[in-house]
Amino acid sequence: MYDLREHKELISQLVSEANQNDENWRWSVKSVGKKKARIFWEYLEYCGQKEPYFSIVLENTGDGCWITAKNEHGETMNSEIVEDKELPYLNTPLAEAITMMVHAIRNTAHACY
């Protein structure tokens, strides 16, 4: 099974880039576990959100694995197939999928908040 901890450096680098490109609010990695990474965005804390974090979640589908970007309410913002045994041509390498999820979080945050 896949493990986000093996990509902690990539996640940290991508979040650091988001932080450098945001003049108003701080971004940081709160935690990286095997199946979930939490990304802090200072603006959500400023707005009084109880959980001021976006998350990247690996989900076992039984036939493979999906990666999902979720907002502070746990709602799906974006997702990608990392592995699907029935549709292998749709598979995305995990590092590429992580990059897509962090970019989706950053772009959605700037567009919606």
Protein backbone atom coordinates (compact mmCIF):
# COMPACT_ATOMS: atom_id res chain seq x y z
CA MET A 1 0.00 0.00 0.00
CA TYR A 2 1.07 3.58 -0.53
CA ASP A 3 2.42 5.76 2.28
CA LEU A 4 2.31 9.57 2.31
CA ARG A 5 5.17 9.64 4.83
CA GLU A 6 7.50 8.55 2.04
CA HIS A 7 6.60 11.83 0.28
CA LYS A 8 6.82 14.15 3.28
CA GLU A 9 9.65 16.16 1.71
CA LEU A 10 7.65 16.70 -1.50
CA ILE A 11 4.56 17.79 0.45
CA SER A 12 6.66 20.17 2.56
CA GLN A 13 8.31 21.64 -0.53
CA LEU A 14 4.96 22.22 -2.28
CA VAL A 15 3.42 23.82 0.81
CA SER A 16 6.52 25.99 1.24
CA GLU A 17 6.03 27.23 -2.33
CA ALA A 18 2.41 28.07 -1.51
CA ASN A 19 3.63 29.96 1.55
CA GLN A 20 6.15 31.95 -0.49
CA ASN A 21 3.46 32.89 -3.01
CA ASP A 22 0.90 34.04 -0.43
CA GLU A 23 1.66 37.56 0.72
CA ASN A 24 -1.09 37.62 3.34
CA TRP A 25 -1.45 34.24 5.03
CA ARG A 26 0.96 31.56 6.26
CA TRP A 27 0.88 27.98 4.97
CA SER A 28 2.52 25.02 6.71
CA VAL A 29 2.40 21.25 6.99
CA LYS A 30 0.70 20.29 10.25
CA SER A 31 1.25 16.53 9.96
CA VAL A 32 1.99 13.75 7.50
CA GLY A 33 0.77 10.27 8.34
CA LYS A 34 0.56 7.08 6.34
CA LYS A 35 -2.83 7.90 4.82
CA LYS A 36 -3.41 11.59 5.65
CA ALA A 37 -1.49 14.85 5.45
CA ARG A 38 -2.88 18.01 7.07
CA ILE A 39 -2.03 21.42 5.65
CA PHE A 40 -2.54 24.51 7.80
CA TRP A 41 -3.63 27.79 6.23
CA GLU A 42 -3.59 30.80 8.55
CA TYR A 43 -6.61 32.43 6.87
CA LEU A 44 -8.88 29.60 8.04
CA GLU A 45 -7.70 30.15 11.61
CA TYR A 46 -8.31 33.90 11.22
CA CYS A 47 -11.89 33.12 10.11
CA GLY A 48 -12.44 31.10 13.29
CA GLN A 49 -12.46 27.63 11.75
CA LYS A 50 -12.20 24.98 14.44
CA GLU A 51 -10.02 22.87 12.12
CA PRO A 52 -8.02 25.33 9.96
CA TYR A 53 -6.60 22.54 7.82
CA PHE A 54 -6.91 21.19 4.35
CA SER A 55 -6.06 17.52 3.96
CA ILE A 56 -4.72 15.05 1.45
CA VAL A 57 -6.10 11.56 2.00
CA LEU A 58 -5.15 8.19 0.51
CA GLU A 59 -8.18 5.93 0.26
CA ASN A 60 -8.12 2.19 -0.40
CA THR A 61 -10.96 1.38 -2.81
CA GLY A 62 -10.59 -2.39 -2.60
CA ASP A 63 -9.47 -2.47 -6.24
CA GLY A 64 -6.80 0.18 -5.86
CA CYS A 65 -6.08 3.55 -4.32
CA TRP A 66 -7.36 7.11 -4.76
CA ILE A 67 -5.88 10.32 -3.43
CA THR A 68 -8.22 13.14 -2.45
CA ALA A 69 -7.80 16.81 -1.51
CA LYS A 70 -10.34 17.88 1.11
CA ASN A 71 -11.29 21.29 2.44
CA GLU A 72 -11.55 22.27 6.10
CA HIS A 73 -15.02 20.69 6.29
CA GLY A 74 -13.81 17.35 4.93
CA GLU A 75 -15.49 17.91 1.56
CA THR A 76 -13.72 16.65 -1.55
CA MET A 77 -12.10 19.36 -3.64
CA ASN A 78 -10.22 17.13 -6.09
CA SER A 79 -9.25 13.48 -6.47
CA GLU A 80 -7.07 11.30 -8.64
CA ILE A 81 -6.63 7.59 -9.23
CA VAL A 82 -3.25 6.38 -7.97
CA GLU A 83 -3.92 2.73 -8.71
CA ASP A 84 -6.89 0.92 -10.22
CA LYS A 85 -6.54 -2.77 -11.05
CA GLU A 86 -9.47 -2.66 -13.48
CA LEU A 87 -8.37 0.55 -15.25
CA PRO A 88 -4.55 0.66 -15.00
CA TYR A 89 -4.26 3.20 -17.83
CA LEU A 90 -5.84 5.78 -15.48
CA ASN A 91 -3.16 5.35 -12.81
CA THR A 92 -1.19 8.44 -11.78
CA PRO A 93 2.19 8.11 -10.02
CA LEU A 94 1.78 9.05 -6.37
CA ALA A 95 4.27 11.96 -6.44
CA GLU A 96 2.45 13.49 -9.41
CA ALA A 97 -0.93 12.98 -7.73
CA ILE A 98 0.31 14.62 -4.51
CA THR A 99 1.50 17.62 -6.52
CA MET A 100 -1.91 17.86 -8.17
CA MET A 101 -3.68 17.76 -4.79
CA VAL A 102 -1.51 20.48 -3.20
CA HIS A 103 -1.97 22.69 -6.27
CA ALA A 104 -5.74 22.11 -6.13
CA ILE A 105 -5.80 23.12 -2.46
CA ARG A 106 -3.72 26.24 -3.05
CA ASN A 107 -5.62 27.32 -6.15
CA THR A 108 -9.05 26.68 -4.63
CA ALA A 109 -8.08 28.51 -1.44
CA HIS A 110 -7.00 31.60 -3.34
CA ALA A 111 -10.04 31.53 -5.61
CA CYS A 112 -12.72 30.88 -2.98
CA TYR A 113 -11.61 32.51 0.25
